[in-house]
N, C-alpha and C. Protein backbone atom coordinates (compact mmCIF):
# COMPACT_ATOMS: atom_id res chain seq x y z
N UNK A 1 0.82 -1.19 0.00
CA UNK A 1 0.00 0.00 0.00
C UNK A 1 0.87 1.26 0.00
N UNK A 2 1.97 1.24 0.74
CA UNK A 2 2.84 2.42 0.78
C UNK A 2 3.42 2.69 -0.60
N UNK A 3 3.87 1.66 -1.30
CA UNK A 3 4.43 1.84 -2.64
C UNK A 3 3.40 2.46 -3.57
N UNK A 4 2.16 2.02 -3.46
CA UNK A 4 1.11 2.58 -4.31
C UNK A 4 0.88 4.05 -3.99
N UNK A 5 0.92 4.42 -2.72
CA UNK A 5 0.75 5.82 -2.35
C UNK A 5 1.88 6.68 -2.90
N UNK A 6 3.11 6.19 -2.82
CA UNK A 6 4.24 6.95 -3.33
C UNK A 6 4.13 7.11 -4.84
N UNK A 7 3.85 6.03 -5.53
CA UNK A 7 3.69 6.10 -6.98
C UNK A 7 2.54 7.03 -7.34
N UNK A 8 1.45 6.92 -6.60
CA UNK A 8 0.31 7.80 -6.85
C UNK A 8 0.68 9.26 -6.64
N UNK A 9 1.48 9.55 -5.63
CA UNK A 9 1.91 10.91 -5.36
C UNK A 9 2.71 11.45 -6.54
N UNK A 10 3.64 10.65 -7.05
CA UNK A 10 4.46 11.09 -8.17
C UNK A 10 3.59 11.29 -9.41
N UNK A 11 2.71 10.36 -9.69
CA UNK A 11 1.88 10.47 -10.88
C UNK A 11 0.96 11.67 -10.78
N UNK A 12 0.36 11.90 -9.62
CA UNK A 12 -0.55 13.02 -9.49
C UNK A 12 0.17 14.37 -9.55
N UNK A 13 1.41 14.41 -9.13
CA UNK A 13 2.15 15.66 -9.16
C UNK A 13 2.98 15.84 -10.43
N UNK A 14 3.11 14.83 -11.24
CA UNK A 14 3.94 14.90 -12.43
C UNK A 14 3.54 16.02 -13.38
N UNK A 15 2.26 16.26 -13.66
CA UNK A 15 1.93 17.32 -14.60
C UNK A 15 2.45 18.69 -14.19
N UNK A 16 2.62 18.95 -12.91
CA UNK A 16 3.15 20.24 -12.49
C UNK A 16 4.58 20.44 -12.97
N UNK A 17 5.29 19.38 -13.27
CA UNK A 17 6.68 19.47 -13.69
C UNK A 17 6.86 19.32 -15.20
N UNK A 18 5.79 19.16 -15.94
CA UNK A 18 5.89 18.94 -17.37
C UNK A 18 5.65 20.23 -18.15
N UNK A 19 6.37 20.37 -19.24
CA UNK A 19 6.10 21.45 -20.18
C UNK A 19 4.92 21.00 -21.05
N UNK A 20 4.41 21.92 -21.87
CA UNK A 20 3.32 21.57 -22.77
C UNK A 20 3.71 20.44 -23.71
N UNK A 21 5.02 20.32 -24.01
CA UNK A 21 5.46 19.28 -24.92
C UNK A 21 5.45 17.91 -24.25
N UNK A 22 5.26 17.88 -22.93
CA UNK A 22 5.26 16.61 -22.21
C UNK A 22 6.64 16.23 -21.69
N UNK A 23 7.64 17.07 -21.92
CA UNK A 23 8.98 16.75 -21.44
C UNK A 23 9.20 17.36 -20.07
N UNK A 24 9.98 16.67 -19.26
CA UNK A 24 10.29 17.18 -17.92
C UNK A 24 11.33 18.29 -18.03
N UNK A 25 11.29 19.23 -17.12
CA UNK A 25 12.25 20.33 -17.09
C UNK A 25 12.85 20.41 -15.69
N UNK A 26 14.15 20.41 -15.64
CA UNK A 26 14.86 20.57 -14.37
C UNK A 26 15.87 21.68 -14.55
N UNK A 27 15.86 22.65 -13.65
CA UNK A 27 16.87 23.71 -13.70
C UNK A 27 18.16 23.19 -13.10
N UNK A 28 19.25 23.36 -13.83
CA UNK A 28 20.57 22.95 -13.37
C UNK A 28 21.50 24.13 -13.55
N UNK A 29 22.14 24.54 -12.51
CA UNK A 29 23.04 25.67 -12.59
C UNK A 29 24.45 25.21 -12.30
N UNK A 30 25.33 25.38 -13.25
CA UNK A 30 26.75 25.14 -13.04
C UNK A 30 27.42 26.46 -13.31
N UNK A 31 27.91 27.07 -12.33
CA UNK A 31 28.48 28.38 -12.55
C UNK A 31 28.69 29.14 -11.28
N UNK A 32 28.42 28.52 -10.16
CA UNK A 32 28.73 29.17 -8.91
C UNK A 32 30.21 28.91 -8.63
N UNK A 33 31.00 29.88 -8.99
CA UNK A 33 32.44 29.80 -8.82
C UNK A 33 32.85 30.92 -7.89
N UNK A 34 33.55 30.59 -6.84
CA UNK A 34 34.07 31.61 -5.94
C UNK A 34 35.55 31.33 -5.71
N UNK A 35 36.33 32.38 -5.73
CA UNK A 35 37.77 32.21 -5.53
C UNK A 35 38.27 33.17 -4.46
N UNK A 36 39.31 32.73 -3.81
CA UNK A 36 40.03 33.59 -2.87
C UNK A 36 41.48 33.57 -3.29
N UNK A 37 42.05 34.76 -3.39
CA UNK A 37 43.46 34.88 -3.74
C UNK A 37 44.13 35.77 -2.70
N UNK A 38 45.25 35.29 -2.22
CA UNK A 38 46.07 36.07 -1.30
C UNK A 38 47.48 36.15 -1.89
N UNK A 39 48.00 37.37 -1.99
CA UNK A 39 49.34 37.60 -2.50
C UNK A 39 50.15 38.26 -1.39
N UNK A 40 51.28 37.63 -1.05
CA UNK A 40 52.16 38.15 -0.01
C UNK A 40 53.51 38.42 -0.65
N UNK A 41 54.06 39.63 -0.40
CA UNK A 41 55.34 39.98 -1.00
C UNK A 41 56.50 39.47 -0.14
N UNK A 42 57.73 39.74 -0.58
CA UNK A 42 58.92 39.24 0.09
C UNK A 42 59.12 39.75 1.50
N UNK A 43 58.48 40.86 1.85
CA UNK A 43 58.58 41.39 3.22
C UNK A 43 57.51 40.81 4.14
N UNK A 44 56.71 39.89 3.61
CA UNK A 44 55.64 39.29 4.41
C UNK A 44 54.38 40.13 4.49
N UNK A 45 54.30 41.18 3.68
CA UNK A 45 53.12 42.04 3.67
C UNK A 45 52.08 41.48 2.69
N UNK A 46 50.82 41.50 3.11
CA UNK A 46 49.75 41.08 2.23
C UNK A 46 49.49 42.20 1.22
N UNK A 47 49.73 41.89 -0.05
CA UNK A 47 49.53 42.85 -1.13
C UNK A 47 48.08 42.79 -1.62
N UNK A 48 47.49 41.60 -1.58
CA UNK A 48 46.13 41.40 -2.08
C UNK A 48 45.48 40.27 -1.30
N UNK A 49 44.21 40.46 -0.93
CA UNK A 49 43.41 39.41 -0.30
C UNK A 49 41.98 39.65 -0.76
N UNK A 50 41.52 38.88 -1.77
CA UNK A 50 40.19 39.07 -2.34
C UNK A 50 39.44 37.76 -2.42
N UNK A 51 38.12 37.85 -2.32
CA UNK A 51 37.22 36.72 -2.45
C UNK A 51 35.99 37.20 -3.20
N UNK A 52 35.69 36.56 -4.33
CA UNK A 52 34.50 36.94 -5.09
C UNK A 52 34.16 35.90 -6.14
N UNK A 53 33.11 36.17 -6.89
CA UNK A 53 32.60 35.21 -7.87
C UNK A 53 33.40 35.22 -9.16
N UNK A 54 33.49 34.05 -9.80
CA UNK A 54 34.10 33.90 -11.11
C UNK A 54 33.06 33.40 -12.09
N UNK A 55 33.51 32.73 -13.16
CA UNK A 55 32.58 32.27 -14.20
C UNK A 55 33.06 30.95 -14.80
N UNK A 56 32.11 30.12 -15.20
CA UNK A 56 32.40 28.90 -15.96
C UNK A 56 32.42 29.28 -17.43
N UNK A 57 33.41 28.79 -18.17
CA UNK A 57 33.51 29.09 -19.60
C UNK A 57 32.54 28.24 -20.40
N UNK A 58 32.35 28.61 -21.66
CA UNK A 58 31.54 27.78 -22.57
C UNK A 58 32.15 26.39 -22.70
N UNK A 59 33.47 26.32 -22.78
CA UNK A 59 34.17 25.04 -22.85
C UNK A 59 33.89 24.23 -21.59
N UNK A 60 33.85 24.90 -20.43
CA UNK A 60 33.55 24.22 -19.18
C UNK A 60 32.15 23.64 -19.16
N UNK A 61 31.18 24.38 -19.68
CA UNK A 61 29.81 23.86 -19.75
C UNK A 61 29.74 22.67 -20.69
N UNK A 62 30.42 22.75 -21.85
CA UNK A 62 30.44 21.61 -22.77
C UNK A 62 31.09 20.39 -22.14
N UNK A 63 32.19 20.59 -21.41
CA UNK A 63 32.85 19.48 -20.71
C UNK A 63 31.88 18.83 -19.74
N UNK A 64 31.15 19.64 -19.00
CA UNK A 64 30.19 19.12 -18.03
C UNK A 64 29.15 18.24 -18.71
N UNK A 65 28.55 18.74 -19.77
CA UNK A 65 27.51 17.96 -20.43
C UNK A 65 28.07 16.76 -21.18
N UNK A 66 29.28 16.85 -21.68
CA UNK A 66 29.91 15.70 -22.32
C UNK A 66 30.10 14.58 -21.30
N UNK A 67 30.58 14.93 -20.12
CA UNK A 67 30.80 13.91 -19.08
C UNK A 67 29.49 13.39 -18.53
N UNK A 68 28.47 14.25 -18.40
CA UNK A 68 27.18 13.81 -17.86
C UNK A 68 26.44 12.90 -18.82
N UNK A 69 26.53 13.18 -20.11
CA UNK A 69 25.69 12.46 -21.06
C UNK A 69 26.41 11.45 -21.92
N UNK A 70 27.71 11.64 -22.17
CA UNK A 70 28.41 10.78 -23.11
C UNK A 70 27.91 10.96 -24.54
N UNK A 71 27.16 12.01 -24.78
CA UNK A 71 26.55 12.28 -26.07
C UNK A 71 27.61 12.47 -27.15
N UNK A 72 27.52 11.78 -28.29
CA UNK A 72 28.52 11.91 -29.35
C UNK A 72 28.52 13.28 -30.02
N UNK A 73 27.52 14.12 -29.76
CA UNK A 73 27.54 15.48 -30.32
C UNK A 73 28.65 16.31 -29.70
N UNK A 74 29.09 15.92 -28.50
CA UNK A 74 30.25 16.56 -27.88
C UNK A 74 31.47 15.75 -28.29
N UNK A 75 32.53 16.42 -28.63
CA UNK A 75 33.76 15.74 -29.02
C UNK A 75 34.37 15.07 -27.79
N UNK A 76 34.10 13.79 -27.63
CA UNK A 76 34.53 13.08 -26.43
C UNK A 76 36.05 13.03 -26.28
N UNK A 77 36.79 13.08 -27.37
CA UNK A 77 38.24 13.05 -27.25
C UNK A 77 38.79 14.38 -26.71
N UNK A 78 37.98 15.44 -26.76
CA UNK A 78 38.41 16.73 -26.24
C UNK A 78 38.26 16.80 -24.72
N UNK A 79 37.42 15.96 -24.14
CA UNK A 79 37.08 16.07 -22.73
C UNK A 79 37.42 14.84 -21.90
N UNK A 80 38.63 14.27 -22.02
CA UNK A 80 38.91 13.05 -21.26
C UNK A 80 39.46 13.31 -19.86
N UNK A 81 39.88 14.51 -19.57
CA UNK A 81 40.61 14.79 -18.33
C UNK A 81 39.69 15.31 -17.22
N UNK A 82 40.24 15.32 -16.02
CA UNK A 82 39.56 15.93 -14.89
C UNK A 82 40.19 17.29 -14.61
N UNK A 83 39.51 18.09 -13.84
CA UNK A 83 40.00 19.43 -13.52
C UNK A 83 41.10 19.33 -12.47
N UNK A 84 42.32 19.62 -12.87
CA UNK A 84 43.47 19.44 -11.98
C UNK A 84 44.39 20.64 -11.96
N UNK A 85 44.41 21.42 -12.98
CA UNK A 85 45.43 22.46 -13.15
C UNK A 85 44.85 23.85 -12.92
N UNK A 86 45.63 24.72 -12.26
CA UNK A 86 45.23 26.10 -12.03
C UNK A 86 46.30 27.00 -12.62
N UNK A 87 45.86 27.97 -13.42
CA UNK A 87 46.77 28.92 -14.04
C UNK A 87 46.55 30.32 -13.49
N UNK A 88 47.56 31.16 -13.67
CA UNK A 88 47.47 32.55 -13.27
C UNK A 88 48.06 33.39 -14.40
N UNK A 89 47.45 34.55 -14.66
CA UNK A 89 47.93 35.35 -15.79
C UNK A 89 47.57 36.81 -15.69
N UNK A 90 47.80 37.51 -16.78
CA UNK A 90 47.53 38.94 -16.91
C UNK A 90 46.36 39.08 -17.87
N UNK A 91 45.22 39.53 -17.38
CA UNK A 91 43.91 39.39 -17.99
C UNK A 91 43.80 39.66 -19.48
N UNK A 92 44.13 40.81 -19.97
CA UNK A 92 43.85 41.08 -21.38
C UNK A 92 42.37 40.93 -21.64
N UNK A 93 42.00 40.21 -22.69
CA UNK A 93 40.59 39.95 -22.99
C UNK A 93 40.23 38.57 -22.46
N UNK A 94 39.30 38.52 -21.52
CA UNK A 94 38.90 37.26 -20.88
C UNK A 94 37.39 37.26 -20.73
N UNK A 95 36.75 36.21 -21.26
CA UNK A 95 35.30 36.07 -21.12
C UNK A 95 34.95 34.59 -21.22
N UNK A 96 33.66 34.25 -21.20
CA UNK A 96 33.24 32.85 -21.19
C UNK A 96 33.62 32.11 -22.47
N UNK A 97 33.96 32.80 -23.54
CA UNK A 97 34.42 32.14 -24.76
C UNK A 97 35.91 31.82 -24.72
N UNK A 98 36.62 32.31 -23.70
CA UNK A 98 38.07 32.07 -23.60
C UNK A 98 38.37 30.60 -23.33
N UNK A 99 39.46 30.12 -23.90
CA UNK A 99 39.91 28.74 -23.67
C UNK A 99 41.27 28.68 -22.99
N UNK A 100 41.88 29.84 -22.80
CA UNK A 100 43.17 29.95 -22.12
C UNK A 100 43.24 31.35 -21.49
N UNK A 101 43.94 31.46 -20.37
CA UNK A 101 44.10 32.78 -19.75
C UNK A 101 45.06 33.63 -20.58
N UNK A 102 44.70 34.87 -20.85
CA UNK A 102 45.63 35.77 -21.53
C UNK A 102 46.84 36.03 -20.63
N UNK A 103 48.00 36.09 -21.21
CA UNK A 103 49.20 36.39 -20.44
C UNK A 103 49.51 35.39 -19.35
N UNK A 104 49.06 34.14 -19.52
CA UNK A 104 49.30 33.13 -18.49
C UNK A 104 50.80 32.91 -18.30
N UNK A 105 51.25 32.94 -17.05
CA UNK A 105 52.68 32.76 -16.78
C UNK A 105 52.95 31.63 -15.80
N UNK A 106 51.91 30.96 -15.33
CA UNK A 106 52.11 29.80 -14.44
C UNK A 106 50.88 28.91 -14.51
N UNK A 107 51.11 27.60 -14.61
CA UNK A 107 50.03 26.61 -14.50
C UNK A 107 50.55 25.49 -13.61
N UNK A 108 49.87 25.26 -12.51
CA UNK A 108 50.34 24.35 -11.48
C UNK A 108 49.24 23.36 -11.11
N UNK A 109 49.61 22.13 -10.79
CA UNK A 109 48.64 21.15 -10.31
C UNK A 109 48.12 21.58 -8.94
N UNK A 110 46.82 21.48 -8.76
CA UNK A 110 46.18 21.88 -7.50
C UNK A 110 45.68 20.65 -6.77
N UNK A 111 45.42 20.81 -5.50
CA UNK A 111 44.86 19.74 -4.68
C UNK A 111 43.35 19.92 -4.59
N UNK A 112 42.62 18.87 -4.95
CA UNK A 112 41.16 18.89 -4.82
C UNK A 112 40.81 18.36 -3.43
N UNK A 113 39.83 19.00 -2.79
CA UNK A 113 39.41 18.53 -1.47
C UNK A 113 38.02 19.07 -1.15
N UNK A 114 37.51 18.70 -0.01
CA UNK A 114 36.20 19.14 0.49
C UNK A 114 35.08 18.85 -0.50
N UNK A 115 35.10 17.62 -1.06
CA UNK A 115 34.02 17.25 -1.97
C UNK A 115 32.73 17.17 -1.19
N UNK A 116 31.68 17.65 -1.76
CA UNK A 116 30.36 17.56 -1.15
C UNK A 116 29.39 17.12 -2.25
N UNK A 117 28.13 17.00 -1.89
CA UNK A 117 27.13 16.60 -2.87
C UNK A 117 27.12 17.55 -4.05
N UNK A 118 27.38 18.81 -3.82
CA UNK A 118 27.27 19.77 -4.90
C UNK A 118 28.49 20.69 -5.06
N UNK A 119 29.63 20.35 -4.49
CA UNK A 119 30.76 21.27 -4.64
C UNK A 119 32.10 20.57 -4.46
N UNK A 120 33.13 21.26 -4.91
CA UNK A 120 34.51 20.81 -4.75
C UNK A 120 35.39 22.04 -4.62
N UNK A 121 36.49 21.90 -3.91
CA UNK A 121 37.45 23.00 -3.75
C UNK A 121 38.79 22.57 -4.32
N UNK A 122 39.55 23.56 -4.80
CA UNK A 122 40.94 23.37 -5.18
C UNK A 122 41.75 24.38 -4.39
N UNK A 123 42.89 23.98 -3.89
CA UNK A 123 43.79 24.93 -3.24
C UNK A 123 45.20 24.70 -3.75
N UNK A 124 45.98 25.76 -3.75
CA UNK A 124 47.38 25.64 -4.10
C UNK A 124 48.12 26.89 -3.71
N UNK A 125 49.42 26.76 -3.62
CA UNK A 125 50.30 27.89 -3.38
C UNK A 125 51.24 27.97 -4.56
N UNK A 126 51.37 29.17 -5.12
CA UNK A 126 52.26 29.40 -6.25
C UNK A 126 53.47 30.18 -5.75
N UNK A 127 54.64 29.65 -6.06
CA UNK A 127 55.89 30.34 -5.76
C UNK A 127 56.50 30.74 -7.11
N UNK A 128 56.29 31.98 -7.52
CA UNK A 128 56.75 32.40 -8.85
C UNK A 128 58.27 32.29 -9.01
N UNK A 129 58.70 32.20 -10.27
CA UNK A 129 60.15 32.28 -10.53
C UNK A 129 60.54 33.76 -10.58
N UNK A 130 61.65 34.09 -11.18
CA UNK A 130 62.23 35.42 -11.07
C UNK A 130 61.33 36.58 -11.48
N UNK A 131 60.48 36.41 -12.50
CA UNK A 131 59.59 37.49 -12.91
C UNK A 131 60.35 38.67 -13.50
N UNK A 132 59.86 39.87 -13.42
CA UNK A 132 58.62 40.26 -12.73
C UNK A 132 57.38 39.96 -13.58
N UNK A 133 56.27 39.66 -12.87
CA UNK A 133 55.00 39.33 -13.51
C UNK A 133 53.92 40.28 -13.04
N UNK A 134 52.87 40.31 -13.85
CA UNK A 134 51.63 41.00 -13.49
C UNK A 134 50.55 39.95 -13.47
N UNK A 135 49.66 40.02 -12.48
CA UNK A 135 48.58 39.04 -12.39
C UNK A 135 47.27 39.74 -12.06
N UNK A 136 46.21 39.30 -12.75
CA UNK A 136 44.87 39.78 -12.44
C UNK A 136 43.79 38.78 -12.85
N UNK A 137 44.19 37.53 -13.12
CA UNK A 137 43.20 36.50 -13.44
C UNK A 137 43.76 35.12 -13.09
N UNK A 138 42.85 34.20 -12.83
CA UNK A 138 43.23 32.81 -12.58
C UNK A 138 42.21 31.91 -13.26
N UNK A 139 42.57 30.66 -13.49
CA UNK A 139 41.65 29.74 -14.14
C UNK A 139 41.95 28.31 -13.78
N UNK A 140 40.94 27.44 -13.91
CA UNK A 140 41.08 26.00 -13.69
C UNK A 140 41.01 25.32 -15.05
N UNK A 141 41.95 24.41 -15.28
CA UNK A 141 42.07 23.69 -16.55
C UNK A 141 41.93 22.20 -16.35
N UNK A 142 41.64 21.48 -17.44
CA UNK A 142 41.65 20.02 -17.38
C UNK A 142 42.85 19.43 -18.11
N UNK A 143 43.80 20.25 -18.53
CA UNK A 143 45.05 19.76 -19.11
C UNK A 143 46.21 20.61 -18.58
N UNK A 144 47.39 19.99 -18.54
CA UNK A 144 48.58 20.69 -18.06
C UNK A 144 49.02 21.77 -19.04
N UNK A 145 48.71 21.60 -20.30
CA UNK A 145 49.06 22.57 -21.33
C UNK A 145 47.89 22.72 -22.28
N UNK A 146 47.87 23.80 -23.02
CA UNK A 146 46.86 23.94 -24.06
C UNK A 146 45.62 24.70 -23.63
N UNK A 147 44.65 24.67 -24.52
CA UNK A 147 43.42 25.46 -24.41
C UNK A 147 42.29 24.66 -23.78
N UNK A 148 42.31 24.53 -22.47
CA UNK A 148 41.30 23.71 -21.79
C UNK A 148 40.76 24.43 -20.56
N UNK A 149 40.52 25.74 -20.67
CA UNK A 149 40.05 26.55 -19.55
C UNK A 149 38.61 26.22 -19.20
N UNK A 150 38.38 25.74 -18.00
CA UNK A 150 37.04 25.36 -17.52
C UNK A 150 36.34 26.53 -16.83
N UNK A 151 37.07 27.24 -15.99
CA UNK A 151 36.49 28.38 -15.28
C UNK A 151 37.58 29.41 -15.03
N UNK A 152 37.15 30.63 -14.74
CA UNK A 152 38.13 31.69 -14.48
C UNK A 152 37.56 32.69 -13.49
N UNK A 153 38.43 33.51 -12.97
CA UNK A 153 38.04 34.63 -12.15
C UNK A 153 39.06 35.74 -12.37
N UNK A 154 38.65 36.96 -12.12
CA UNK A 154 39.55 38.11 -12.22
C UNK A 154 39.65 38.75 -10.84
N UNK A 155 40.73 39.46 -10.62
CA UNK A 155 40.94 40.13 -9.35
C UNK A 155 41.75 41.39 -9.60
N UNK A 156 41.93 42.20 -8.55
CA UNK A 156 42.69 43.45 -8.69
C UNK A 156 44.11 43.14 -9.13
N UNK A 157 44.61 43.92 -10.05
CA UNK A 157 45.93 43.67 -10.63
C UNK A 157 47.05 43.86 -9.61
N UNK A 158 47.98 42.92 -9.63
CA UNK A 158 49.18 42.99 -8.81
C UNK A 158 50.38 42.98 -9.77
N UNK A 159 51.28 43.93 -9.61
CA UNK A 159 52.45 44.02 -10.48
C UNK A 159 53.72 43.72 -9.70
N UNK A 160 54.80 43.51 -10.42
CA UNK A 160 56.10 43.31 -9.79
C UNK A 160 56.25 41.99 -9.07
N UNK A 161 55.45 41.00 -9.43
CA UNK A 161 55.52 39.68 -8.78
C UNK A 161 56.82 39.01 -9.19
N UNK A 162 57.57 38.55 -8.21
CA UNK A 162 58.83 37.85 -8.49
C UNK A 162 58.99 36.67 -7.53
N UNK A 163 60.19 36.12 -7.47
CA UNK A 163 60.42 34.91 -6.67
C UNK A 163 60.37 35.12 -5.16
N UNK A 164 60.15 36.36 -4.71
CA UNK A 164 59.98 36.60 -3.28
C UNK A 164 58.50 36.55 -2.87
N UNK A 165 57.59 36.47 -3.84
CA UNK A 165 56.14 36.47 -3.57
C UNK A 165 55.62 35.06 -3.33
N UNK A 166 54.53 35.00 -2.59
CA UNK A 166 53.78 33.76 -2.40
C UNK A 166 52.33 34.05 -2.74
N UNK A 167 51.73 33.23 -3.58
CA UNK A 167 50.34 33.41 -4.00
C UNK A 167 49.55 32.19 -3.56
N UNK A 168 48.55 32.38 -2.72
CA UNK A 168 47.72 31.29 -2.22
C UNK A 168 46.34 31.42 -2.85
N UNK A 169 45.86 30.32 -3.43
CA UNK A 169 44.57 30.32 -4.12
C UNK A 169 43.65 29.25 -3.54
N UNK A 170 42.36 29.59 -3.45
CA UNK A 170 41.33 28.61 -3.16
C UNK A 170 40.20 28.87 -4.14
N UNK A 171 39.73 27.83 -4.80
CA UNK A 171 38.67 27.93 -5.80
C UNK A 171 37.56 26.97 -5.39
N UNK A 172 36.33 27.45 -5.36
CA UNK A 172 35.18 26.64 -4.97
C UNK A 172 34.21 26.62 -6.15
N UNK A 173 33.87 25.43 -6.61
CA UNK A 173 32.90 25.25 -7.69
C UNK A 173 31.72 24.49 -7.13
N UNK A 174 30.51 25.01 -7.36
CA UNK A 174 29.33 24.29 -6.89
C UNK A 174 28.25 24.29 -7.98
N UNK A 175 27.37 23.35 -7.87
CA UNK A 175 26.25 23.21 -8.81
C UNK A 175 24.96 23.12 -8.00
N UNK A 176 23.88 23.56 -8.60
CA UNK A 176 22.60 23.46 -7.92
C UNK A 176 21.50 23.13 -8.90
């Protein structure tokens, strides 16, 4: 009797979730990206400490749906990797159509942690080489090299970055 009641509940409520075409519609949001960047100079002074929202690229959305569906309309050979790499660069022109950070000068493997039902975090510390560099954007990639930018964020520009600086990043991606 309980199974019948549950099935009856679903059947009676199903029309509320259907479009006129009879297809079900579910809202899925992939794009809640938040990053924190801290830049400390050689004297131990915090030059930058920011936390704000970023964006998922068009390539990132395609990667998501390719992995979710396995649909042959997505080039499956383009999306075999997982999100592991974080880059930092000098913004230039950056938007959701971008596949690589402009002026990228470092790409480092990050540690994934704090997996939850709807989110994952990446953290890493970047120790730049001699430089000097300018930085105002970061991104998460699924390849160590090449055009595989999944998400990005921008921040206030920092100049004169060299081997005395330490850059700490945390990136949080969630879906709802």
